[in-house]
Amino acid sequence: MSRHVTIRLDEEFHERLKARAAALGTTVTALITEVTERELDEDRKNFLSGIEEFADHWGYFQERFGN
């Protein structure tokens, strides 16, 4: 079951959102849904956190294993 939600956007932002959706060949609703789902994805958050930790130790990996 889907739910109808109303949000307020200023006109400039709405135009940018419509343009991005059109460039991607999708709708504004689908784009907002995709971005929101991505933001709420715990696996993605864990992955990004892991990348940050890896980046913090990148110098060690380069010293130890080279380029």
PDB file of N, CA and C in Angstrom:
ATOM      1  N   MET A   1       0.851  -1.180   0.000  1.00  0.00           N
ATOM      2  CA  MET A   1       0.000   0.000   0.000  1.00  0.00           C
ATOM      3  C   MET A   1       0.894   1.240   0.000  1.00  0.00           C
ATOM      4  N   SER A   2       0.619   2.154  -0.869  1.00  0.00           N
ATOM      5  CA  SER A   2       1.382   3.400  -0.888  1.00  0.00           C
ATOM      6  C   SER A   2       0.595   4.488  -0.177  1.00  0.00           C
ATOM      7  N   ARG A   3       1.322   5.495   0.228  1.00  0.00           N
ATOM      8  CA  ARG A   3       0.726   6.597   0.994  1.00  0.00           C
ATOM      9  C   ARG A   3       1.019   7.900   0.269  1.00  0.00           C
ATOM     10  N   HIS A   4       0.085   8.773   0.218  1.00  0.00           N
ATOM     11  CA  HIS A   4       0.244  10.078  -0.408  1.00  0.00           C
ATOM     12  C   HIS A   4       0.818  11.044   0.631  1.00  0.00           C
ATOM     13  N   VAL A   5       1.909  11.741   0.263  1.00  0.00           N
ATOM     14  CA  VAL A   5       2.553  12.694   1.161  1.00  0.00           C
ATOM     15  C   VAL A   5       2.706  14.019   0.424  1.00  0.00           C
ATOM     16  N   THR A   6       2.447  15.103   1.107  1.00  0.00           N
ATOM     17  CA  THR A   6       2.599  16.427   0.521  1.00  0.00           C
ATOM     18  C   THR A   6       3.801  17.116   1.144  1.00  0.00           C
ATOM     19  N   ILE A   7       4.664  17.674   0.289  1.00  0.00           N
ATOM     20  CA  ILE A   7       5.800  18.452   0.775  1.00  0.00           C
ATOM     21  C   ILE A   7       5.788  19.800   0.060  1.00  0.00           C
ATOM     22  N   ARG A   8       6.394  20.782   0.672  1.00  0.00           N
ATOM     23  CA  ARG A   8       6.488  22.109   0.069  1.00  0.00           C
ATOM     24  C   ARG A   8       7.916  22.331  -0.389  1.00  0.00           C
ATOM     25  N   LEU A   9       8.063  22.760  -1.644  1.00  0.00           N
ATOM     26  CA  LEU A   9       9.365  23.069  -2.219  1.00  0.00           C
ATOM     27  C   LEU A   9       9.302  24.451  -2.823  1.00  0.00           C
ATOM     28  N   ASP A  10      10.399  25.207  -2.703  1.00  0.00           N
ATOM     29  CA  ASP A  10      10.371  26.490  -3.392  1.00  0.00           C
ATOM     30  C   ASP A  10      10.445  26.230  -4.903  1.00  0.00           C
ATOM     31  N   GLU A  11      10.022  27.198  -5.671  1.00  0.00           N
ATOM     32  CA  GLU A  11       9.886  27.005  -7.121  1.00  0.00           C
ATOM     33  C   GLU A  11      11.208  26.647  -7.794  1.00  0.00           C
ATOM     34  N   GLU A  12      12.285  27.305  -7.404  1.00  0.00           N
ATOM     35  CA  GLU A  12      13.582  27.034  -8.023  1.00  0.00           C
ATOM     36  C   GLU A  12      14.018  25.593  -7.775  1.00  0.00           C
ATOM     37  N   PHE A  13      13.852  25.133  -6.528  1.00  0.00           N
ATOM     38  CA  PHE A  13      14.227  23.759  -6.208  1.00  0.00           C
ATOM     39  C   PHE A  13      13.352  22.774  -6.974  1.00  0.00           C
ATOM     40  N   HIS A  14      12.073  23.041  -7.064  1.00  0.00           N
ATOM     41  CA  HIS A  14      11.152  22.157  -7.783  1.00  0.00           C
ATOM     42  C   HIS A  14      11.532  22.069  -9.260  1.00  0.00           C
ATOM     43  N   GLU A  15      11.906  23.173  -9.852  1.00  0.00           N
ATOM     44  CA  GLU A  15      12.334  23.162 -11.250  1.00  0.00           C
ATOM     45  C   GLU A  15      13.606  22.334 -11.429  1.00  0.00           C
ATOM     46  N   ARG A  16      14.547  22.477 -10.501  1.00  0.00           N
ATOM     47  CA  ARG A  16      15.770  21.671 -10.561  1.00  0.00           C
ATOM     48  C   ARG A  16      15.455  20.195 -10.406  1.00  0.00           C
ATOM     49  N   LEU A  17      14.537  19.874  -9.512  1.00  0.00           N
ATOM     50  CA  LEU A  17      14.134  18.496  -9.287  1.00  0.00           C
ATOM     51  C   LEU A  17      13.468  17.910 -10.532  1.00  0.00           C
ATOM     52  N   LYS A  18      12.576  18.678 -11.147  1.00  0.00           N
ATOM     53  CA  LYS A  18      11.923  18.213 -12.375  1.00  0.00           C
ATOM     54  C   LYS A  18      12.933  17.995 -13.493  1.00  0.00           C
ATOM     55  N   ALA A  19      13.896  18.908 -13.620  1.00  0.00           N
ATOM     56  CA  ALA A  19      14.918  18.786 -14.656  1.00  0.00           C
ATOM     57  C   ALA A  19      15.765  17.540 -14.437  1.00  0.00           C
ATOM     58  N   ARG A  20      16.152  17.284 -13.189  1.00  0.00           N
ATOM     59  CA  ARG A  20      16.959  16.095 -12.890  1.00  0.00           C
ATOM     60  C   ARG A  20      16.174  14.825 -13.190  1.00  0.00           C
ATOM     61  N   ALA A  21      14.913  14.797 -12.784  1.00  0.00           N
ATOM     62  CA  ALA A  21      14.074  13.628 -13.049  1.00  0.00           C
ATOM     63  C   ALA A  21      13.951  13.398 -14.553  1.00  0.00           C
ATOM     64  N   ALA A  22      13.723  14.455 -15.307  1.00  0.00           N
ATOM     65  CA  ALA A  22      13.596  14.327 -16.766  1.00  0.00           C
ATOM     66  C   ALA A  22      14.899  13.823 -17.376  1.00  0.00           C
ATOM     67  N   ALA A  23      16.032  14.344 -16.903  1.00  0.00           N
ATOM     68  CA  ALA A  23      17.324  13.919 -17.433  1.00  0.00           C
ATOM     69  C   ALA A  23      17.575  12.440 -17.148  1.00  0.00           C
ATOM     70  N   LEU A  24      17.037  11.940 -16.050  1.00  0.00           N
ATOM     71  CA  LEU A  24      17.197  10.533 -15.690  1.00  0.00           C
ATOM     72  C   LEU A  24      16.108   9.647 -16.279  1.00  0.00           C
ATOM     73  N   GLY A  25      15.146  10.277 -16.940  1.00  0.00           N
ATOM     74  CA  GLY A  25      14.056   9.514 -17.545  1.00  0.00           C
ATOM     75  C   GLY A  25      13.094   8.936 -16.523  1.00  0.00           C
ATOM     76  N   THR A  26      12.853   9.688 -15.462  1.00  0.00           N
ATOM     77  CA  THR A  26      11.960   9.214 -14.410  1.00  0.00           C
ATOM     78  C   THR A  26      11.034  10.348 -13.990  1.00  0.00           C
ATOM     79  N   THR A  27      10.233  10.098 -12.989  1.00  0.00           N
ATOM     80  CA  THR A  27       9.319  11.117 -12.481  1.00  0.00           C
ATOM     81  C   THR A  27       9.899  11.729 -11.210  1.00  0.00           C
ATOM     82  N   VAL A  28       9.373  12.879 -10.841  1.00  0.00           N
ATOM     83  CA  VAL A  28       9.782  13.521  -9.597  1.00  0.00           C
ATOM     84  C   VAL A  28       9.473  12.595  -8.424  1.00  0.00           C
ATOM     85  N   THR A  29       8.305  11.988  -8.418  1.00  0.00           N
ATOM     86  CA  THR A  29       7.925  11.076  -7.341  1.00  0.00           C
ATOM     87  C   THR A  29       8.901   9.918  -7.234  1.00  0.00           C
ATOM     88  N   ALA A  30       9.234   9.302  -8.366  1.00  0.00           N
ATOM     89  CA  ALA A  30      10.156   8.164  -8.352  1.00  0.00           C
ATOM     90  C   ALA A  30      11.547   8.596  -7.879  1.00  0.00           C
ATOM     91  N   LEU A  31      11.991   9.767  -8.303  1.00  0.00           N
ATOM     92  CA  LEU A  31      13.305  10.262  -7.895  1.00  0.00           C
ATOM     93  C   LEU A  31      13.346  10.516  -6.385  1.00  0.00           C
ATOM     94  N   ILE A  32      12.334  11.167  -5.860  1.00  0.00           N
ATOM     95  CA  ILE A  32      12.276  11.430  -4.418  1.00  0.00           C
ATOM     96  C   ILE A  32      12.232  10.113  -3.647  1.00  0.00           C
ATOM     97  N   THR A  33      11.449   9.156  -4.129  1.00  0.00           N
ATOM     98  CA  THR A  33      11.359   7.852  -3.469  1.00  0.00           C
ATOM     99  C   THR A  33      12.708   7.149  -3.472  1.00  0.00           C
ATOM    100  N   GLU A  34      13.391   7.133  -4.619  1.00  0.00           N
ATOM    101  CA  GLU A  34      14.690   6.468  -4.728  1.00  0.00           C
ATOM    102  C   GLU A  34      15.725   7.090  -3.787  1.00  0.00           C
ATOM    103  N   VAL A  35      15.789   8.410  -3.792  1.00  0.00           N
ATOM    104  CA  VAL A  35      16.769   9.098  -2.950  1.00  0.00           C
ATOM    105  C   VAL A  35      16.458   8.875  -1.471  1.00  0.00           C
ATOM    106  N   THR A  36      15.203   8.898  -1.108  1.00  0.00           N
ATOM    107  CA  THR A  36      14.810   8.684   0.283  1.00  0.00           C
ATOM    108  C   THR A  36      15.113   7.260   0.722  1.00  0.00           C
ATOM    109  N   GLU A  37      14.798   6.286  -0.130  1.00  0.00           N
ATOM    110  CA  GLU A  37      15.109   4.891   0.198  1.00  0.00           C
ATOM    111  C   GLU A  37      16.613   4.701   0.383  1.00  0.00           C
ATOM    112  N   ARG A  38      17.397   5.310  -0.487  1.00  0.00           N
ATOM    113  CA  ARG A  38      18.851   5.219  -0.391  1.00  0.00           C
ATOM    114  C   ARG A  38      19.338   5.813   0.936  1.00  0.00           C
ATOM    115  N   GLU A  39      18.766   6.939   1.319  1.00  0.00           N
ATOM    116  CA  GLU A  39      19.175   7.600   2.570  1.00  0.00           C
ATOM    117  C   GLU A  39      18.832   6.753   3.792  1.00  0.00           C
ATOM    118  N   LEU A  40      17.762   6.001   3.724  1.00  0.00           N
ATOM    119  CA  LEU A  40      17.327   5.190   4.862  1.00  0.00           C
ATOM    120  C   LEU A  40      17.926   3.785   4.872  1.00  0.00           C
ATOM    121  N   ASP A  41      18.693   3.423   3.856  1.00  0.00           N
ATOM    122  CA  ASP A  41      19.270   2.085   3.729  1.00  0.00           C
ATOM    123  C   ASP A  41      20.427   1.903   4.712  1.00  0.00           C
ATOM    124  N   GLU A  42      20.226   1.078   5.729  1.00  0.00           N
ATOM    125  CA  GLU A  42      21.249   0.857   6.758  1.00  0.00           C
ATOM    126  C   GLU A  42      22.494   0.194   6.176  1.00  0.00           C
ATOM    127  N   ASP A  43      22.330  -0.713   5.205  1.00  0.00           N
ATOM    128  CA  ASP A  43      23.496  -1.345   4.582  1.00  0.00           C
ATOM    129  C   ASP A  43      24.361  -0.299   3.894  1.00  0.00           C
ATOM    130  N   ARG A  44      23.725   0.659   3.240  1.00  0.00           N
ATOM    131  CA  ARG A  44      24.476   1.729   2.569  1.00  0.00           C
ATOM    132  C   ARG A  44      25.230   2.561   3.603  1.00  0.00           C
ATOM    133  N   LYS A  45      24.569   2.876   4.710  1.00  0.00           N
ATOM    134  CA  LYS A  45      25.225   3.662   5.762  1.00  0.00           C
ATOM    135  C   LYS A  45      26.437   2.909   6.312  1.00  0.00           C
ATOM    136  N   ASN A  46      26.279   1.606   6.514  1.00  0.00           N
ATOM    137  CA  ASN A  46      27.397   0.808   7.011  1.00  0.00           C
ATOM    138  C   ASN A  46      28.530   0.771   5.990  1.00  0.00           C
ATOM    139  N   PHE A  47      28.186   0.641   4.716  1.00  0.00           N
ATOM    140  CA  PHE A  47      29.186   0.622   3.657  1.00  0.00           C
ATOM    141  C   PHE A  47      29.954   1.940   3.618  1.00  0.00           C
ATOM    142  N   LEU A  48      29.240   3.062   3.665  1.00  0.00           N
ATOM    143  CA  LEU A  48      29.891   4.366   3.636  1.00  0.00           C
ATOM    144  C   LEU A  48      30.763   4.578   4.859  1.00  0.00           C
ATOM    145  N   SER A  49      30.319   4.077   5.995  1.00  0.00           N
ATOM    146  CA  SER A  49      31.129   4.172   7.204  1.00  0.00           C
ATOM    147  C   SER A  49      32.413   3.375   7.040  1.00  0.00           C
ATOM    148  N   GLY A  50      32.317   2.197   6.429  1.00  0.00           N
ATOM    149  CA  GLY A  50      33.493   1.377   6.175  1.00  0.00           C
ATOM    150  C   GLY A  50      34.468   2.055   5.236  1.00  0.00           C
ATOM    151  N   ILE A  51      33.939   2.740   4.242  1.00  0.00           N
ATOM    152  CA  ILE A  51      34.797   3.472   3.306  1.00  0.00           C
ATOM    153  C   ILE A  51      35.553   4.575   4.048  1.00  0.00           C
ATOM    154  N   GLU A  52      34.868   5.283   4.921  1.00  0.00           N
ATOM    155  CA  GLU A  52      35.519   6.336   5.693  1.00  0.00           C
ATOM    156  C   GLU A  52      36.648   5.767   6.546  1.00  0.00           C
ATOM    157  N   GLU A  53      36.395   4.633   7.178  1.00  0.00           N
ATOM    158  CA  GLU A  53      37.430   4.005   8.006  1.00  0.00           C
ATOM    159  C   GLU A  53      38.610   3.571   7.142  1.00  0.00           C
ATOM    160  N   PHE A  54      38.327   2.982   5.989  1.00  0.00           N
ATOM    161  CA  PHE A  54      39.381   2.568   5.074  1.00  0.00           C
ATOM    162  C   PHE A  54      40.205   3.778   4.632  1.00  0.00           C
ATOM    163  N   ALA A  55      39.526   4.865   4.308  1.00  0.00           N
ATOM    164  CA  ALA A  55      40.219   6.080   3.869  1.00  0.00           C
ATOM    165  C   ALA A  55      41.142   6.612   4.964  1.00  0.00           C
ATOM    166  N   ASP A  56      40.705   6.494   6.211  1.00  0.00           N
ATOM    167  CA  ASP A  56      41.536   6.948   7.337  1.00  0.00           C
ATOM    168  C   ASP A  56      42.851   6.176   7.411  1.00  0.00           C
ATOM    169  N   HIS A  57      42.850   4.938   6.925  1.00  0.00           N
ATOM    170  CA  HIS A  57      44.027   4.072   7.012  1.00  0.00           C
ATOM    171  C   HIS A  57      44.711   3.861   5.659  1.00  0.00           C
ATOM    172  N   TRP A  58      44.338   4.630   4.665  1.00  0.00           N
ATOM    173  CA  TRP A  58      44.868   4.460   3.319  1.00  0.00           C
ATOM    174  C   TRP A  58      46.399   4.588   3.277  1.00  0.00           C
ATOM    175  N   GLY A  59      46.954   5.514   4.039  1.00  0.00           N
ATOM    176  CA  GLY A  59      48.402   5.685   4.077  1.00  0.00           C
ATOM    177  C   GLY A  59      49.107   4.416   4.509  1.00  0.00           C
ATOM    178  N   TYR A  60      48.568   3.740   5.501  1.00  0.00           N
ATOM    179  CA  TYR A  60      49.141   2.479   5.963  1.00  0.00           C
ATOM    180  C   TYR A  60      49.140   1.440   4.844  1.00  0.00           C
ATOM    181  N   PHE A  61      48.022   1.319   4.134  1.00  0.00           N
ATOM    182  CA  PHE A  61      47.932   0.341   3.047  1.00  0.00           C
ATOM    183  C   PHE A  61      48.948   0.654   1.941  1.00  0.00           C
ATOM    184  N   GLN A  62      49.111   1.915   1.636  1.00  0.00           N
ATOM    185  CA  GLN A  62      50.071   2.285   0.609  1.00  0.00           C
ATOM    186  C   GLN A  62      51.507   1.943   1.046  1.00  0.00           C
ATOM    187  N   GLU A  63      51.826   2.241   2.306  1.00  0.00           N
ATOM    188  CA  GLU A  63      53.160   1.907   2.814  1.00  0.00           C
ATOM    189  C   GLU A  63      53.396   0.403   2.818  1.00  0.00           C
ATOM    190  N   ARG A  64      52.410  -0.316   3.254  1.00  0.00           N
ATOM    191  CA  ARG A  64      52.542  -1.777   3.433  1.00  0.00           C
ATOM    192  C   ARG A  64      52.521  -2.533   2.108  1.00  0.00           C
ATOM    193  N   PHE A  65      51.623  -2.142   1.202  1.00  0.00           N
ATOM    194  CA  PHE A  65      51.409  -2.916  -0.013  1.00  0.00           C
ATOM    195  C   PHE A  65      51.783  -2.182  -1.304  1.00  0.00           C
ATOM    196  N   GLY A  66      52.133  -0.918  -1.197  1.00  0.00           N
ATOM    197  CA  GLY A  66      52.482  -0.139  -2.397  1.00  0.00           C
ATOM    198  C   GLY A  66      51.240   0.294  -3.158  1.00  0.00           C
ATOM    199  N   ASN A  67      51.479   0.828  -4.336  1.00  0.00           N
ATOM    200  CA  ASN A  67      50.344   1.308  -5.137  1.00  0.00           C
ATOM    201  C   ASN A  67      49.708   0.161  -5.795  1.00  0.00           C
TER     202      ASN A  67
END
